Amino acid sequence: MPGTTTARRQALLHLMAPDDLIALDADFAAWAHDAQLPPDDTRSGGGGPEAGVAEAGGPEAGVAEAGGPGGDDWAVWLLLGGRGAGKTRAGAEWVRGLALGETPFAAAPVSPIALVGETFQDAREVMVEGVSGILSVHRHGRKSIDRPDWSPSRRRLEWPNGAVAQVFSAEDPDSLRGPQFAAAWADELAKWRYPDATWDMLQFGLRLGERPRQLVTTTPRPIPLVKRLLTPGTPGTVVTRIRTGENRANLAPSFLEAIVGRYRGTRLGRQELDAELIADRPDALFRRDMIEHGRVAAAPELQRIVVAVDPPAGSKAGGSRAGGSGGGAACGIVAVGTGPAPGAASGTASGTLYVLADSTVSGAKPAGWAHRAVALYHRLAADRLIAEANQGGDMVAAVIGEVDAGVPVKLVHARRGKWLRAEPVAALYEQGRVRHVGTLPELEDEMCDFGRIEENRAFQRPRLSTVFQFAFLRRSANAMTAALPLAFLSANLQYLSIMPSDIPIWS
């Protein structure tokens, strides 16, 4: 009953007869999450593909949602889901709907169907016999009448109407040679031992019926096959997504508290819970495993804290300060402190850098980002505020002074290219001398998406060519036209006497 309030739903349920309640409970399409229904489902807000929508929160750069057309003109439905999000239930209900010819899954029974799991054991225990598997979704009401016969020895399901489904293992791609199908359900494709070979053999077998289709349910991992399916413009492919938190009503509270609470925002959590495709680019200076290795829950007692500001290119004297907004450009604001290494005694030498907060703001006027920077300075009881002077020079210090004249400001000037300025910072990460306190998803995405290509392209784009220090490309509503800086890390490192002194990147 989508679109109705909880009170309204409860009132309607009280008016229903017991048999109707059983039927409603068995009607998956009536209460499923939108992403669990086929992309051509026509109910309001249901099941539509996210075609052309870029990944929120920053999966692999350049990877967008869905490739092919919307509506019912699709051949591959890729359902990305977090752990416990309901992927298996969606796959089992889709297979049941196909076999029985029920809407919104099919207009007539579809057979034969291939069921491909990571192994035979996984396919049997999850896809067929599991708590959300095919046999389980036939337990209630009229569904029990249509329950298929399961023959483990033959690895075969057969429905009363004659529809059949055959189980295959991705460990044996050649077992898909010969058989032919009208549909297929591929589960946990990102974990398959031979993903490309098994997928290729499956495609050759999908040659029956008017329009063979396949559903892929998986938690994403950055393997080449998943990346290809997610490539924008891939013919006939649509993508839906469901996060673990969206299925909280069916999950144990202890799981939500212990697992979701612990991993929320981390690389592993974004992949396993939020179903985001997280991958390092080969030419990136910063790697996610490097950041994860240095993550801490809390910072020790710090000897010094600075807040660094990267004003947008439009923040020049006589420019946006007079009233312009600076467009959609971002003003980077990050706080960093120095302290002892994790586990070291309090008061020992401060040789470790702790990235404390990212308060970057987009589209703000100078007074707006200045207020935000000063607020972070006071919240953390910082020692100094650092600002890059190439974009506006004295104006930057002046606008901060207008907000709070008591905040000490140090201006720095960038003298070398972005890549050269980034390299010594990356070296400190490699040495384990930089720690991220908690999770900083947007900042970390920008770090891991900075490579040689961006270094070269930045000077070809007018708005990016003016971004100071080694800014990282950031997605805005229109395009990658703003920047989220990491330059202040370099500035902070040098100010805190940690940056190697023989690298003259600042003046």
Protein backbone atom coordinates (compact mmCIF):
# COMPACT_ATOMS: atom_id res chain seq x y z
CA MET A 1 0.00 0.00 0.00
CA PRO A 2 2.51 2.61 -1.12
CA GLY A 3 1.72 6.22 -0.39
CA THR A 4 -0.54 5.59 2.63
CA THR A 5 0.26 6.60 6.18
CA THR A 6 0.91 4.05 8.93
CA ALA A 7 -2.39 4.88 10.65
CA ARG A 8 -4.30 4.55 7.37
CA ARG A 9 -2.69 1.20 6.64
CA GLN A 10 -3.56 -0.11 10.09
CA ALA A 11 -7.16 0.98 9.66
CA LEU A 12 -7.40 -0.78 6.30
CA LEU A 13 -5.87 -3.96 7.71
CA HIS A 14 -8.48 -4.07 10.53
CA LEU A 15 -11.24 -3.99 7.93
CA MET A 16 -9.88 -6.93 5.93
CA ALA A 17 -11.05 -10.53 6.27
CA PRO A 18 -8.50 -13.18 7.38
CA ASP A 19 -8.28 -14.69 3.89
CA ASP A 20 -7.66 -11.24 2.42
CA LEU A 21 -4.92 -10.60 4.95
CA ILE A 22 -3.22 -13.86 3.97
CA ALA A 23 -3.51 -12.92 0.31
CA LEU A 24 -2.06 -9.46 0.98
CA ASP A 25 0.84 -10.94 2.92
CA ALA A 26 1.58 -13.17 -0.06
CA ASP A 27 1.37 -10.28 -2.55
CA PHE A 28 5.01 -9.25 -2.78
CA ALA A 29 4.35 -6.47 -5.29
CA ALA A 30 2.01 -4.74 -2.84
CA TRP A 31 4.63 -4.12 -0.16
CA ALA A 32 8.02 -4.61 -1.81
CA HIS A 33 10.59 -1.84 -1.93
CA ASP A 34 10.59 -0.03 -5.27
CA ALA A 35 14.05 -1.32 -6.18
CA GLN A 36 12.88 -4.93 -5.66
CA LEU A 37 10.36 -4.76 -8.50
CA PRO A 38 11.13 -5.11 -12.21
CA PRO A 39 12.14 -1.86 -13.94
CA ASP A 40 9.01 -1.97 -16.13
CA ASP A 41 6.66 -2.08 -13.13
CA THR A 42 4.10 0.66 -13.74
CA ARG A 43 2.95 1.33 -10.21
CA SER A 44 3.57 4.85 -8.94
CA GLY A 45 7.22 5.28 -8.05
CA GLY A 46 7.96 1.60 -8.41
CA GLY A 47 10.97 -0.19 -9.71
CA GLY A 48 12.14 2.39 -12.21
CA PRO A 49 15.76 2.32 -13.32
CA GLU A 50 18.14 5.03 -12.26
CA ALA A 51 19.35 5.51 -15.81
CA GLY A 52 22.04 8.08 -16.25
CA VAL A 53 22.10 9.09 -12.59
CA ALA A 54 25.65 9.40 -11.29
CA GLU A 55 26.55 7.55 -8.13
CA ALA A 56 25.69 9.49 -4.99
CA GLY A 57 28.45 9.67 -2.46
CA GLY A 58 31.16 8.77 -4.90
CA PRO A 59 31.57 5.23 -6.11
CA GLU A 60 34.17 4.78 -8.76
CA ALA A 61 34.65 7.97 -10.74
CA GLY A 62 32.83 8.08 -14.05
CA VAL A 63 30.56 5.14 -13.29
CA ALA A 64 26.90 6.08 -13.61
CA GLU A 65 23.69 4.26 -12.85
CA ALA A 66 22.20 2.15 -15.59
CA GLY A 67 23.05 2.19 -19.21
CA GLY A 68 20.12 1.18 -21.33
CA PRO A 69 16.69 2.60 -21.92
CA GLY A 70 13.97 2.73 -19.32
CA GLY A 71 10.48 1.25 -19.53
CA ASP A 72 10.30 -2.45 -20.38
CA ASP A 73 12.99 -2.40 -23.06
CA TRP A 74 15.69 -4.14 -21.04
CA ALA A 75 17.54 -7.44 -21.12
CA VAL A 76 19.68 -7.19 -17.96
CA TRP A 77 18.33 -5.93 -14.63
CA LEU A 78 21.21 -5.31 -12.23
CA LEU A 79 19.95 -5.07 -8.65
CA LEU A 80 22.70 -3.79 -6.37
CA GLY A 81 21.97 -4.28 -2.70
CA GLY A 82 23.63 -4.11 0.68
CA ARG A 83 23.80 -7.01 3.12
CA GLY A 84 20.32 -7.94 4.29
CA ALA A 85 18.71 -5.43 1.92
CA GLY A 86 16.38 -7.96 0.30
CA LYS A 87 18.23 -8.96 -2.88
CA THR A 88 17.54 -12.68 -2.51
CA ARG A 89 13.85 -12.11 -1.81
CA ALA A 90 13.58 -9.94 -4.90
CA GLY A 91 15.27 -12.61 -7.03
CA ALA A 92 13.12 -15.43 -5.66
CA GLU A 93 9.90 -13.46 -6.18
CA TRP A 94 10.97 -12.56 -9.72
CA VAL A 95 11.59 -16.21 -10.59
CA ARG A 96 8.26 -17.23 -9.04
CA GLY A 97 6.46 -14.48 -10.95
CA LEU A 98 8.06 -15.56 -14.23
CA ALA A 99 7.29 -19.24 -13.73
CA LEU A 100 3.64 -18.53 -12.90
CA GLY A 101 3.19 -15.68 -15.37
CA GLU A 102 2.08 -13.17 -12.73
CA THR A 103 2.18 -9.40 -13.00
CA PRO A 104 4.23 -7.30 -12.68
CA PHE A 105 6.80 -9.97 -13.51
CA ALA A 106 5.45 -11.55 -16.68
CA ALA A 107 2.33 -11.62 -18.86
CA ALA A 108 2.57 -15.41 -19.29
CA PRO A 109 4.62 -18.25 -17.75
CA VAL A 110 8.30 -18.13 -18.68
CA SER A 111 10.41 -21.30 -18.88
CA PRO A 112 13.07 -22.66 -18.67
CA ILE A 113 14.93 -20.47 -16.17
CA ALA A 114 18.61 -20.68 -15.23
CA LEU A 115 19.60 -20.15 -11.59
CA VAL A 116 23.32 -19.37 -11.33
CA GLY A 117 24.99 -19.09 -7.93
CA GLU A 118 28.56 -18.72 -6.75
CA THR A 119 28.64 -22.48 -6.04
CA PHE A 120 26.06 -25.28 -6.10
CA GLN A 121 25.89 -25.13 -2.32
CA ASP A 122 25.24 -21.37 -2.35
CA ALA A 123 22.60 -21.72 -5.05
CA ARG A 124 20.83 -24.46 -3.13
CA GLU A 125 21.06 -22.99 0.38
CA VAL A 126 20.37 -19.37 -0.58
CA MET A 127 18.53 -19.16 -3.89
CA VAL A 128 16.34 -22.27 -3.52
CA GLU A 129 16.07 -23.43 0.10
CA GLY A 130 17.05 -20.25 1.92
CA VAL A 131 14.81 -18.26 4.23
CA SER A 132 14.17 -15.83 1.36
CA GLY A 133 14.64 -18.40 -1.40
CA ILE A 134 12.29 -19.72 -4.06
CA LEU A 135 10.69 -22.44 -1.92
CA SER A 136 10.09 -19.99 0.94
CA VAL A 137 8.19 -17.48 -1.20
CA HIS A 138 5.61 -20.20 -2.04
CA ARG A 139 4.61 -20.88 1.57
CA HIS A 140 1.61 -18.61 2.11
CA GLY A 141 -1.93 -18.59 0.74
CA ARG A 142 -2.37 -19.47 -2.90
CA LYS A 143 1.39 -19.53 -3.32
CA SER A 144 1.59 -22.86 -1.51
CA ILE A 145 -0.62 -24.44 -4.18
CA ASP A 146 1.83 -23.34 -6.86
CA ARG A 147 4.91 -24.47 -4.93
CA PRO A 148 7.43 -26.21 -7.21
CA ASP A 149 8.88 -29.66 -6.67
CA TRP A 150 12.57 -29.49 -5.84
CA SER A 151 14.89 -32.30 -6.92
CA PRO A 152 18.34 -31.67 -5.40
CA SER A 153 19.91 -34.58 -7.25
CA ARG A 154 18.77 -33.18 -10.59
CA ARG A 155 19.28 -29.57 -9.44
CA ARG A 156 15.88 -28.82 -10.86
CA LEU A 157 12.69 -27.03 -9.81
CA GLU A 158 9.40 -27.89 -11.54
CA TRP A 159 6.15 -26.00 -11.06
CA PRO A 160 2.68 -27.57 -11.38
CA ASN A 161 2.14 -25.65 -14.65
CA GLY A 162 5.23 -27.27 -16.20
CA ALA A 163 7.67 -24.37 -15.82
CA VAL A 164 11.17 -25.45 -14.82
CA ALA A 165 14.30 -23.88 -13.38
CA GLN A 166 17.78 -25.42 -13.41
CA VAL A 167 20.57 -24.68 -10.92
CA PHE A 168 24.13 -23.99 -12.11
CA SER A 169 27.42 -23.14 -10.42
CA ALA A 170 29.64 -20.26 -11.51
CA GLU A 171 32.58 -22.54 -10.69
CA ASP A 172 31.76 -24.56 -13.82
CA PRO A 173 31.14 -22.21 -16.76
CA ASP A 174 31.11 -25.10 -19.26
CA SER A 175 28.02 -26.58 -17.58
CA LEU A 176 26.09 -23.75 -19.28
CA ARG A 177 27.12 -24.99 -22.72
CA GLY A 178 24.21 -26.73 -24.40
CA PRO A 179 21.22 -25.76 -22.20
CA GLN A 180 19.03 -22.92 -23.39
CA PHE A 181 16.82 -20.60 -21.39
CA ALA A 182 14.17 -17.91 -21.57
CA ALA A 183 15.34 -16.17 -18.37
CA ALA A 184 18.07 -16.34 -15.75
CA TRP A 185 18.73 -15.23 -12.18
CA ALA A 186 22.42 -14.69 -11.39
CA ASP A 187 23.12 -14.24 -7.68
CA GLU A 188 26.21 -12.57 -6.14
CA LEU A 189 27.87 -12.18 -9.51
CA ALA A 190 30.64 -10.02 -8.01
CA LYS A 191 31.82 -13.09 -6.02
CA TRP A 192 31.89 -15.57 -8.90
CA ARG A 193 35.17 -17.42 -9.37
CA TYR A 194 35.00 -17.16 -13.18
CA PRO A 195 32.69 -14.19 -13.73
CA ASP A 196 33.47 -13.42 -17.37
CA ALA A 197 33.51 -17.02 -18.59
CA THR A 198 30.30 -17.92 -16.73
CA TRP A 199 28.55 -14.75 -17.86
CA ASP A 200 29.54 -15.32 -21.49
CA MET A 201 28.25 -18.90 -21.47
CA LEU A 202 25.00 -17.73 -19.88
CA GLN A 203 24.47 -15.14 -22.61
CA PHE A 204 24.81 -17.77 -25.32
CA GLY A 205 22.14 -19.85 -23.59
CA LEU A 206 19.55 -17.08 -23.32
CA ARG A 207 17.94 -17.72 -26.69
CA LEU A 208 14.36 -18.83 -26.01
CA GLY A 209 11.15 -16.85 -25.94
CA GLU A 210 10.24 -13.50 -27.34
CA ARG A 211 12.54 -11.51 -25.05
CA PRO A 212 15.04 -13.39 -22.85
CA ARG A 213 15.88 -11.53 -19.68
CA GLN A 214 18.15 -11.91 -16.69
CA LEU A 215 18.26 -10.53 -13.17
CA VAL A 216 21.59 -10.03 -11.43
CA THR A 217 21.44 -9.61 -7.64
CA THR A 218 24.74 -8.74 -6.02
CA THR A 219 26.57 -6.63 -3.52
CA PRO A 220 28.89 -4.59 -5.73
CA ARG A 221 32.60 -5.18 -5.97
CA PRO A 222 34.88 -3.44 -8.49
CA ILE A 223 35.39 -6.40 -10.82
CA PRO A 224 35.55 -5.68 -14.57
CA LEU A 225 32.20 -7.35 -15.34
CA VAL A 226 30.29 -5.26 -12.80
CA LYS A 227 32.00 -2.12 -14.10
CA ARG A 228 30.96 -2.97 -17.66
CA LEU A 229 27.35 -3.49 -16.65
CA LEU A 230 27.40 -0.12 -14.90
CA THR A 231 28.99 1.72 -17.80
CA PRO A 232 26.64 4.45 -19.07
CA GLY A 233 25.12 3.53 -22.42
CA THR A 234 25.36 -0.23 -21.99
CA PRO A 235 22.55 -1.48 -24.26
CA GLY A 236 19.58 -3.10 -22.56
CA THR A 237 20.89 -2.78 -19.00
CA VAL A 238 19.04 -1.10 -16.15
CA VAL A 239 20.14 -0.73 -12.53
CA THR A 240 18.22 -0.45 -9.28
CA ARG A 241 19.70 -0.15 -5.83
CA ILE A 242 18.61 -0.93 -2.28
CA ARG A 243 20.59 -0.12 0.85
CA THR A 244 20.65 -2.19 4.02
CA GLY A 245 19.01 0.57 6.02
CA GLU A 246 15.96 0.56 3.76
CA ASN A 247 15.12 -2.95 4.98
CA ARG A 248 15.58 -2.20 8.69
CA ALA A 249 12.08 -3.42 9.53
CA ASN A 250 13.18 -6.96 8.66
CA LEU A 251 16.57 -6.87 10.36
CA ALA A 252 17.59 -7.49 13.96
CA PRO A 253 18.07 -4.27 15.95
CA SER A 254 21.37 -5.62 17.25
CA PHE A 255 22.62 -5.97 13.66
CA LEU A 256 21.71 -2.38 12.89
CA GLU A 257 23.41 -1.13 16.03
CA ALA A 258 26.56 -3.25 15.94
CA ILE A 259 27.26 -3.64 12.23
CA VAL A 260 25.62 -0.66 10.56
CA GLY A 261 26.71 1.63 13.36
CA ARG A 262 30.29 0.44 13.18
CA TYR A 263 30.80 0.45 9.41
CA ARG A 264 28.59 3.36 8.31
CA GLY A 265 30.58 5.71 6.08
CA THR A 266 33.66 3.49 5.77
CA ARG A 267 34.76 2.03 2.48
CA LEU A 268 33.59 -1.43 3.53
CA GLY A 269 30.29 -0.08 4.81
CA ARG A 270 29.57 1.91 1.69
CA GLN A 271 30.15 -1.21 -0.40
CA GLU A 272 28.52 -3.84 1.80
CA LEU A 273 25.70 -1.74 3.30
CA ASP A 274 25.03 1.10 0.84
CA ALA A 275 25.69 -0.96 -2.32
CA GLU A 276 28.13 1.56 -3.75
CA LEU A 277 30.83 0.53 -6.19
CA ILE A 278 34.06 1.65 -4.56
CA ALA A 279 37.24 1.29 -6.57
CA ASP A 280 40.67 2.85 -6.76
CA ARG A 281 41.73 4.31 -10.08
CA PRO A 282 45.09 2.99 -11.28
CA ASP A 283 46.74 6.42 -11.55
CA ALA A 284 45.52 7.76 -8.20
CA LEU A 285 48.03 9.04 -5.68
CA PHE A 286 45.82 8.08 -2.72
CA ARG A 287 44.39 4.60 -2.22
CA ARG A 288 41.40 3.68 -0.12
CA ASP A 289 43.20 0.87 1.68
CA MET A 290 45.84 3.40 2.69
CA ILE A 291 43.16 5.66 4.18
CA GLU A 292 41.30 2.79 5.85
CA HIS A 293 44.51 1.52 7.44
CA GLY A 294 45.03 4.91 9.03
CA ARG A 295 41.47 5.47 10.26
CA VAL A 296 40.91 6.01 13.98
CA ALA A 297 37.74 6.47 15.99
CA ALA A 298 39.05 9.42 17.97
CA ALA A 299 42.13 11.63 18.06
CA PRO A 300 44.50 11.66 21.03
CA GLU A 301 45.36 14.85 22.88
CA LEU A 302 46.63 17.13 20.12
CA GLN A 303 49.50 19.59 20.38
CA ARG A 304 48.19 21.90 17.66
CA ILE A 305 45.11 22.24 15.43
CA VAL A 306 44.73 24.34 12.31
CA VAL A 307 41.76 24.99 10.03
CA ALA A 308 42.62 25.47 6.36
CA VAL A 309 40.48 27.32 3.81
CA ASP A 310 40.58 26.93 0.04
CA PRO A 311 38.41 29.81 -1.27
CA PRO A 312 36.75 29.31 -4.67
CA ALA A 313 38.28 30.95 -7.71
CA GLY A 314 35.56 33.62 -7.78
CA SER A 315 36.54 34.97 -4.37
CA LYS A 316 38.64 37.88 -5.58
CA ALA A 317 38.78 41.44 -4.49
CA GLY A 318 36.14 43.47 -6.22
CA GLY A 319 34.47 40.27 -7.34
CA SER A 320 32.07 37.99 -5.51
CA ARG A 321 32.66 39.74 -2.21
CA ALA A 322 30.50 42.56 -3.49
CA GLY A 323 27.54 40.29 -3.65
CA GLY A 324 28.15 37.49 -6.12
CA SER A 325 27.78 33.94 -4.94
CA GLY A 326 30.77 32.53 -6.68
CA GLY A 327 28.48 30.21 -8.63
CA GLY A 328 28.48 26.59 -7.56
CA ALA A 329 32.19 26.52 -6.71
CA ALA A 330 33.19 24.85 -3.48
CA CYS A 331 35.18 26.43 -0.69
CA GLY A 332 37.26 23.73 0.96
CA ILE A 333 37.40 23.84 4.74
CA VAL A 334 39.31 21.12 6.58
CA ALA A 335 40.69 20.86 10.11
CA VAL A 336 43.92 19.01 10.86
CA GLY A 337 45.91 18.53 14.07
CA THR A 338 49.16 16.98 15.21
CA GLY A 339 49.63 14.56 18.05
CA PRO A 340 51.37 11.35 19.10
CA ALA A 341 50.97 8.19 17.06
CA PRO A 342 48.07 5.91 18.06
CA GLY A 343 48.99 4.00 21.21
CA ALA A 344 51.83 6.33 22.13
CA ALA A 345 51.89 7.94 25.55
CA SER A 346 50.35 11.38 25.91
CA GLY A 347 52.89 14.16 25.63
CA THR A 348 55.26 12.28 23.34
CA ALA A 349 56.55 13.89 20.17
CA SER A 350 53.82 14.90 17.75
CA GLY A 351 54.73 13.23 14.50
CA THR A 352 51.28 12.14 13.32
CA LEU A 353 48.72 14.24 11.48
CA TYR A 354 45.01 13.80 12.26
CA VAL A 355 42.40 14.93 9.73
CA LEU A 356 39.59 15.99 12.05
CA ALA A 357 36.76 17.46 9.97
CA ASP A 358 35.63 18.42 6.49
CA SER A 359 33.25 21.41 6.42
CA THR A 360 33.53 22.16 2.70
CA VAL A 361 30.63 24.24 1.40
CA SER A 362 29.45 24.85 -2.17
CA GLY A 363 27.89 27.97 -3.67
CA ALA A 364 28.45 30.17 -0.63
CA LYS A 365 29.31 33.85 -0.70
CA PRO A 366 32.61 34.87 0.95
CA ALA A 367 30.82 35.81 4.16
CA GLY A 368 29.15 32.38 4.15
CA TRP A 369 32.28 30.28 3.87
CA ALA A 370 34.15 32.61 6.23
CA HIS A 371 31.49 32.10 8.93
CA ARG A 372 31.72 28.34 8.39
CA ALA A 373 35.51 28.32 8.68
CA VAL A 374 35.51 30.48 11.80
CA ALA A 375 32.81 28.29 13.39
CA LEU A 376 34.97 25.20 12.84
CA TYR A 377 37.97 27.07 14.24
CA HIS A 378 36.11 27.82 17.46
CA ARG A 379 34.45 24.40 17.71
CA LEU A 380 37.81 22.65 17.69
CA ALA A 381 39.62 25.36 19.68
CA ALA A 382 42.12 25.58 16.84
CA ASP A 383 45.40 27.51 16.99
CA ARG A 384 45.34 29.11 13.56
CA LEU A 385 43.47 29.41 10.30
CA ILE A 386 45.40 28.91 7.05
CA ALA A 387 44.20 30.27 3.70
CA GLU A 388 45.61 30.12 0.19
CA ALA A 389 46.37 33.63 -1.04
CA ASN A 390 46.57 33.06 -4.81
CA GLN A 391 42.79 33.55 -5.08
CA GLY A 392 42.13 36.97 -3.61
CA GLY A 393 45.17 37.50 -1.45
CA ASP A 394 44.45 40.01 1.29
CA MET A 395 40.72 39.81 0.62
CA VAL A 396 40.65 36.30 2.07
CA ALA A 397 42.16 37.47 5.34
CA ALA A 398 39.95 40.55 5.31
CA VAL A 399 36.67 38.68 4.94
CA ILE A 400 37.65 36.29 7.73
CA GLY A 401 38.59 39.28 9.86
CA GLU A 402 35.16 40.78 9.31
CA VAL A 403 33.64 37.66 10.85
CA ASP A 404 36.06 37.47 13.76
CA ALA A 405 39.05 39.79 13.95
CA GLY A 406 40.57 37.68 16.72
CA VAL A 407 41.21 34.65 14.52
CA PRO A 408 44.90 34.45 13.51
CA VAL A 409 45.20 33.88 9.74
CA LYS A 410 48.27 32.68 7.86
CA LEU A 411 48.31 33.12 4.07
CA VAL A 412 50.26 30.69 1.87
CA HIS A 413 51.08 30.80 -1.85
CA ALA A 414 51.23 27.76 -4.13
CA ARG A 415 54.33 27.69 -6.36
CA ARG A 416 54.27 24.24 -7.98
CA GLY A 417 51.85 22.01 -9.86
CA LYS A 418 49.10 20.11 -8.10
CA TRP A 419 50.60 16.67 -8.64
CA LEU A 420 53.99 17.73 -7.27
CA ARG A 421 52.31 19.23 -4.24
CA ALA A 422 50.26 16.09 -3.66
CA GLU A 423 53.15 13.62 -3.82
CA PRO A 424 54.75 14.42 -0.43
CA VAL A 425 51.34 14.22 1.24
CA ALA A 426 50.72 10.80 -0.33
CA ALA A 427 54.14 9.72 0.93
CA LEU A 428 53.11 10.60 4.49
CA TYR A 429 49.97 8.48 4.08
CA GLU A 430 52.14 5.61 2.87
CA GLN A 431 54.30 5.99 5.96
CA GLY A 432 51.26 5.84 8.23
CA ARG A 433 51.78 9.39 9.47
CA VAL A 434 48.29 10.66 8.54
CA ARG A 435 45.14 9.44 10.27
CA HIS A 436 41.50 10.17 9.46
CA VAL A 437 39.32 10.60 12.53
CA GLY A 438 36.02 8.89 11.78
CA THR A 439 34.72 8.85 8.21
CA LEU A 440 35.01 11.71 5.72
CA PRO A 441 33.38 10.18 2.61
CA GLU A 442 33.36 13.17 0.25
CA LEU A 443 36.90 14.19 1.08
CA GLU A 444 38.14 10.62 0.66
CA ASP A 445 36.33 10.21 -2.66
CA GLU A 446 38.03 13.31 -4.00
CA MET A 447 41.43 12.14 -2.79
CA CYS A 448 41.07 8.73 -4.43
CA ASP A 449 39.84 10.24 -7.70
CA PHE A 450 42.81 12.52 -8.19
CA GLY A 451 45.16 11.24 -10.89
CA ARG A 452 47.38 12.34 -13.72
CA ILE A 453 44.38 12.84 -16.03
CA GLU A 454 42.87 15.46 -13.72
CA GLU A 455 46.28 17.13 -13.36
CA ASN A 456 46.39 17.63 -17.13
CA ARG A 457 42.71 18.35 -17.75
CA ALA A 458 42.42 20.93 -14.99
CA PHE A 459 44.23 23.55 -17.06
CA GLN A 460 41.95 22.90 -20.04
CA ARG A 461 38.83 23.86 -18.09
CA PRO A 462 38.58 27.56 -17.28
CA ARG A 463 36.91 27.09 -13.89
CA LEU A 464 39.22 24.29 -12.84
CA SER A 465 42.40 25.90 -14.12
CA THR A 466 42.08 28.57 -11.46
CA VAL A 467 41.64 26.13 -8.58
CA PHE A 468 44.65 26.60 -6.36
CA GLN A 469 46.90 24.07 -4.70
CA PHE A 470 46.15 20.45 -5.61
CA ALA A 471 42.39 20.61 -5.70
CA PHE A 472 40.36 17.51 -6.37
CA LEU A 473 37.50 17.43 -8.81
CA ARG A 474 34.09 17.50 -7.21
CA ARG A 475 30.72 16.79 -8.76
CA SER A 476 28.14 19.60 -8.65
CA ALA A 477 24.56 19.72 -9.88
CA ASN A 478 25.65 20.65 -13.38
CA ALA A 479 29.07 19.08 -13.86
CA MET A 480 32.48 18.68 -12.31
CA THR A 481 32.89 22.43 -12.11
CA ALA A 482 33.81 22.97 -8.47
CA ALA A 483 36.66 21.73 -6.34
CA LEU A 484 37.26 20.17 -2.98
CA PRO A 485 40.84 20.88 -1.92
CA LEU A 486 43.34 18.80 -0.10
CA ALA A 487 45.91 21.53 -0.48
CA PHE A 488 45.47 22.66 3.04
CA LEU A 489 46.82 19.30 4.13
CA SER A 490 50.09 20.33 2.53
CA ALA A 491 49.80 23.77 4.07
CA ASN A 492 49.06 22.28 7.47
CA LEU A 493 51.92 19.83 7.21
CA GLN A 494 54.39 22.57 6.46
CA TYR A 495 52.97 24.88 9.10
CA LEU A 496 53.20 22.11 11.68
CA SER A 497 56.83 21.39 10.68
CA ILE A 498 56.04 17.88 9.43
CA MET A 499 56.31 18.47 5.69
CA PRO A 500 59.84 17.68 4.43
CA SER A 501 61.64 21.03 4.27
CA ASP A 502 63.46 20.27 1.02
CA ILE A 503 60.24 20.39 -1.01
CA PRO A 504 59.66 24.09 -1.84
CA ILE A 505 55.97 23.96 -2.75
CA TRP A 506 54.79 26.90 -0.65
CA SER A 507 56.00 30.41 -0.01
